[in-house]
Amino acid sequence: MRHGKSFNHLGRTTSHRHAMLANMANSLILHKRITTTVAKAKALRQYVEPLLTKAKNDTTHSRRLVFSSLGQKEVLKELFDNVAVKIAGRPGGYTRIIKLSQNRLGDNSEMCVIELVDFNDTMLEAKNAGEAKATTRRSRRGGKKADATTTEGDSSAEVVAEAKPAKKAKAAATEVSAPEDTDTETLKDGETREEKAAE
């Protein structure tokens, strides 16, 4: 019985499996992304992430440890010179597995792309754009109340602020300084905002 044995042997002997994972790790470090099966990608992630962590500490000892697993000088140079610099601030989780929708034709195996997270420029740009968009969003609620309090006069707000405790005074002050709503106009098909403003 193999109960509780979660290690995936990938249908290979130990020496074959180590050689395959070393070759896949070399390809991943050189090319930054490879296409493979989901099972191999999960095994590769367990194999390559400790090597990437060792590469963050650039000493002779860590270079020798990583070289004993990878076995190629060009890959070692790429790892310690380029990859380690980019992943220096990341505390683990250096790889990303993206499952592909279409399975392999021959045996219907689930396919995926495994990539180094810090080298996917499109996802990094999308993340930065999403953060920028989230910070510039404004709520349009309460605009009419703010207009009403400002038209009544600032003197009534000041009297309320003096009469009540400090907490309520701060709340009254924030109500008065709320942003006003802007008028919006509907654009016709093919019309730009600049053309509309010029009219």
Protein backbone atom coordinates (compact mmCIF):
# COMPACT_ATOMS: atom_id res chain seq x y z
CA MET A 1 0.00 0.00 0.00
CA ARG A 2 1.19 3.52 -0.77
CA HIS A 3 -1.03 5.43 1.63
CA GLY A 4 0.27 8.84 2.54
CA LYS A 5 3.11 8.81 0.01
CA SER A 6 2.52 12.08 -1.77
CA PHE A 7 5.80 12.20 -3.71
CA ASN A 8 5.21 11.96 -7.46
CA HIS A 9 7.72 9.61 -9.10
CA LEU A 10 6.51 10.68 -12.57
CA GLY A 11 6.82 7.09 -13.83
CA ARG A 12 10.61 7.25 -13.85
CA THR A 13 13.54 5.84 -11.93
CA THR A 14 15.33 8.13 -9.47
CA SER A 15 18.28 8.89 -11.75
CA HIS A 16 16.01 9.55 -14.75
CA ARG A 17 13.77 11.80 -12.66
CA HIS A 18 16.68 13.86 -11.29
CA ALA A 19 18.19 14.26 -14.76
CA MET A 20 14.83 15.33 -16.22
CA LEU A 21 14.16 17.87 -13.46
CA ALA A 22 17.68 19.29 -13.77
CA ASN A 23 17.21 19.73 -17.54
CA MET A 24 13.80 21.34 -17.04
CA ALA A 25 15.22 23.68 -14.37
CA ASN A 26 18.02 24.69 -16.77
CA SER A 27 15.48 25.45 -19.49
CA LEU A 28 13.28 27.42 -17.09
CA ILE A 29 16.18 29.57 -15.88
CA LEU A 30 17.46 30.24 -19.41
CA HIS A 31 14.13 30.84 -21.15
CA LYS A 32 12.08 32.11 -18.14
CA ARG A 33 9.02 30.04 -19.17
CA ILE A 34 8.44 26.52 -20.48
CA THR A 35 5.41 24.47 -21.50
CA THR A 36 5.04 21.05 -19.88
CA THR A 37 2.49 18.82 -18.15
CA VAL A 38 0.92 19.89 -14.87
CA ALA A 39 2.46 16.97 -12.94
CA LYS A 40 5.98 17.76 -14.19
CA ALA A 41 5.49 21.46 -13.49
CA LYS A 42 4.50 20.80 -9.88
CA ALA A 43 7.53 18.53 -9.43
CA LEU A 44 9.75 21.15 -11.08
CA ARG A 45 8.45 23.86 -8.77
CA GLN A 46 9.52 21.82 -5.72
CA TYR A 47 12.90 21.23 -7.35
CA VAL A 48 13.76 24.71 -8.60
CA GLU A 49 12.45 27.05 -5.87
CA PRO A 50 15.05 26.00 -3.24
CA LEU A 51 17.74 26.57 -5.88
CA LEU A 52 16.40 30.08 -6.53
CA THR A 53 16.45 30.78 -2.80
CA LYS A 54 20.09 29.65 -2.62
CA ALA A 55 20.91 31.92 -5.57
CA LYS A 56 19.84 34.99 -3.59
CA ASN A 57 22.93 34.50 -1.39
CA ASP A 58 25.84 34.86 -3.84
CA THR A 59 28.65 32.95 -2.14
CA THR A 60 31.02 30.29 -3.41
CA HIS A 61 29.28 27.70 -1.28
CA SER A 62 25.81 28.46 -2.64
CA ARG A 63 27.17 28.50 -6.21
CA ARG A 64 28.65 25.03 -5.69
CA LEU A 65 25.41 23.71 -4.18
CA VAL A 66 23.34 25.01 -7.10
CA PHE A 67 25.88 23.77 -9.66
CA SER A 68 25.72 20.27 -8.16
CA SER A 69 21.99 20.23 -9.00
CA LEU A 70 22.01 22.02 -12.37
CA GLY A 71 25.38 21.09 -13.86
CA GLN A 72 25.65 23.86 -16.50
CA LYS A 73 27.92 26.88 -16.08
CA GLU A 74 25.91 29.10 -18.45
CA VAL A 75 22.74 28.49 -16.45
CA LEU A 76 24.59 29.16 -13.21
CA LYS A 77 25.87 32.49 -14.55
CA GLU A 78 22.38 33.51 -15.73
CA LEU A 79 20.86 32.50 -12.40
CA PHE A 80 23.30 34.36 -10.16
CA ASP A 81 23.77 37.43 -12.40
CA ASN A 82 20.26 38.16 -13.72
CA VAL A 83 17.58 36.08 -12.01
CA ALA A 84 18.82 36.48 -8.43
CA VAL A 85 18.84 40.28 -8.77
CA LYS A 86 15.18 40.36 -9.82
CA ILE A 87 13.92 37.93 -7.17
CA ALA A 88 15.94 39.46 -4.32
CA GLY A 89 12.93 41.14 -2.70
CA ARG A 90 10.52 38.22 -3.10
CA PRO A 91 10.20 35.87 -0.06
CA GLY A 92 9.52 32.67 -2.00
CA GLY A 93 6.95 31.82 -4.66
CA TYR A 94 9.25 32.52 -7.58
CA THR A 95 7.33 30.44 -10.12
CA ARG A 96 3.80 30.57 -11.50
CA ILE A 97 1.89 27.67 -13.07
CA ILE A 98 -0.76 28.65 -15.64
CA LYS A 99 -2.92 25.78 -16.87
CA LEU A 100 -3.66 25.69 -20.58
CA SER A 101 -7.15 25.01 -21.88
CA GLN A 102 -6.19 22.40 -24.46
CA ASN A 103 -4.80 19.02 -23.40
CA ARG A 104 -2.02 17.20 -25.26
CA LEU A 105 -3.26 15.41 -28.34
CA GLY A 106 -1.46 12.09 -27.89
CA ASP A 107 -2.42 11.14 -24.33
CA ASN A 108 -4.81 13.95 -23.26
CA SER A 109 -2.43 15.12 -20.52
CA GLU A 110 -3.19 18.43 -18.84
CA MET A 111 -0.70 21.00 -20.12
CA CYS A 112 0.52 24.18 -18.47
CA VAL A 113 3.08 26.94 -18.66
CA ILE A 114 5.49 27.34 -15.75
CA GLU A 115 7.27 30.68 -15.61
CA LEU A 116 9.37 32.85 -13.35
CA VAL A 117 7.02 35.41 -11.79
CA ASP A 118 9.33 38.43 -11.99
CA PHE A 119 10.04 37.99 -15.71
CA ASN A 120 6.45 38.16 -17.00
CA ASP A 121 6.33 41.83 -17.99
CA THR A 122 2.69 41.84 -19.15
CA MET A 123 1.36 40.60 -15.81
CA LEU A 124 3.57 43.01 -13.87
CA GLU A 125 2.32 45.94 -16.02
CA ALA A 126 -1.30 44.84 -15.58
CA LYS A 127 -0.80 44.61 -11.81
CA ASN A 128 0.74 48.09 -11.65
CA ALA A 129 -2.03 49.53 -13.84
CA GLY A 130 -4.66 47.87 -11.63
CA GLU A 131 -3.13 49.42 -8.51
CA ALA A 132 -3.01 52.84 -10.17
CA LYS A 133 -6.61 52.56 -11.32
CA ALA A 134 -7.80 51.52 -7.86
CA THR A 135 -6.19 54.55 -6.24
CA THR A 136 -7.75 57.08 -8.65
CA ARG A 137 -11.34 55.89 -8.28
CA ARG A 138 -13.72 58.29 -6.55
CA SER A 139 -17.14 57.75 -5.12
CA ARG A 140 -19.99 59.97 -6.34
CA ARG A 141 -22.15 59.51 -3.25
CA GLY A 142 -23.10 62.44 -1.10
CA GLY A 143 -22.34 65.15 -3.65
CA LYS A 144 -25.73 66.88 -3.24
CA LYS A 145 -25.41 67.01 0.54
CA ALA A 146 -22.03 68.70 0.21
CA ASP A 147 -23.55 71.32 -2.14
CA ALA A 148 -26.38 72.00 0.32
CA THR A 149 -24.06 72.50 3.28
CA THR A 150 -21.80 74.87 1.34
CA THR A 151 -24.74 76.99 0.08
CA GLU A 152 -26.15 77.37 3.57
CA GLY A 153 -22.96 79.09 4.58
CA ASP A 154 -19.77 78.25 6.34
CA SER A 155 -20.81 80.20 9.42
CA SER A 156 -23.42 77.62 10.47
CA ALA A 157 -20.82 74.85 10.16
CA GLU A 158 -18.42 76.86 12.33
CA VAL A 159 -21.11 77.43 15.00
CA VAL A 160 -21.87 73.70 15.08
CA ALA A 161 -18.16 72.96 15.37
CA GLU A 162 -17.76 75.28 18.35
CA ALA A 163 -20.85 74.02 20.15
CA LYS A 164 -20.16 70.26 19.94
CA PRO A 165 -17.19 68.12 21.08
CA ALA A 166 -14.06 67.73 18.96
CA LYS A 167 -15.13 64.47 17.28
CA LYS A 168 -18.33 65.91 15.91
CA ALA A 169 -16.51 69.07 14.85
CA LYS A 170 -14.17 67.01 12.70
CA ALA A 171 -17.13 65.22 11.12
CA ALA A 172 -18.83 68.55 10.31
CA ALA A 173 -15.61 69.90 8.80
CA THR A 174 -15.26 66.87 6.54
CA GLU A 175 -18.84 67.20 5.34
CA VAL A 176 -18.24 70.78 4.26
CA SER A 177 -15.03 69.92 2.38
CA ALA A 178 -16.49 67.01 0.36
CA PRO A 179 -15.83 67.21 -3.43
CA GLU A 180 -18.61 68.37 -5.71
CA ASP A 181 -20.03 66.22 -8.50
CA THR A 182 -19.08 67.11 -12.06
CA ASP A 183 -21.56 67.25 -14.91
CA THR A 184 -21.19 64.51 -17.50
CA GLU A 185 -22.32 64.56 -21.10
CA THR A 186 -22.99 61.62 -23.38
CA LEU A 187 -20.74 61.33 -26.43
CA LYS A 188 -22.04 60.34 -29.86
CA ASP A 189 -20.53 57.48 -31.89
CA GLY A 190 -17.05 58.38 -33.13
CA GLU A 191 -16.88 61.59 -31.11
CA THR A 192 -13.99 62.25 -28.70
CA ARG A 193 -13.96 64.30 -25.53
CA GLU A 194 -11.58 66.83 -27.08
CA GLU A 195 -14.01 67.47 -29.97
CA LYS A 196 -16.87 67.87 -27.51
CA ALA A 197 -14.86 70.35 -25.43
CA ALA A 198 -13.95 72.35 -28.54
CA GLU A 199 -17.66 72.88 -29.32
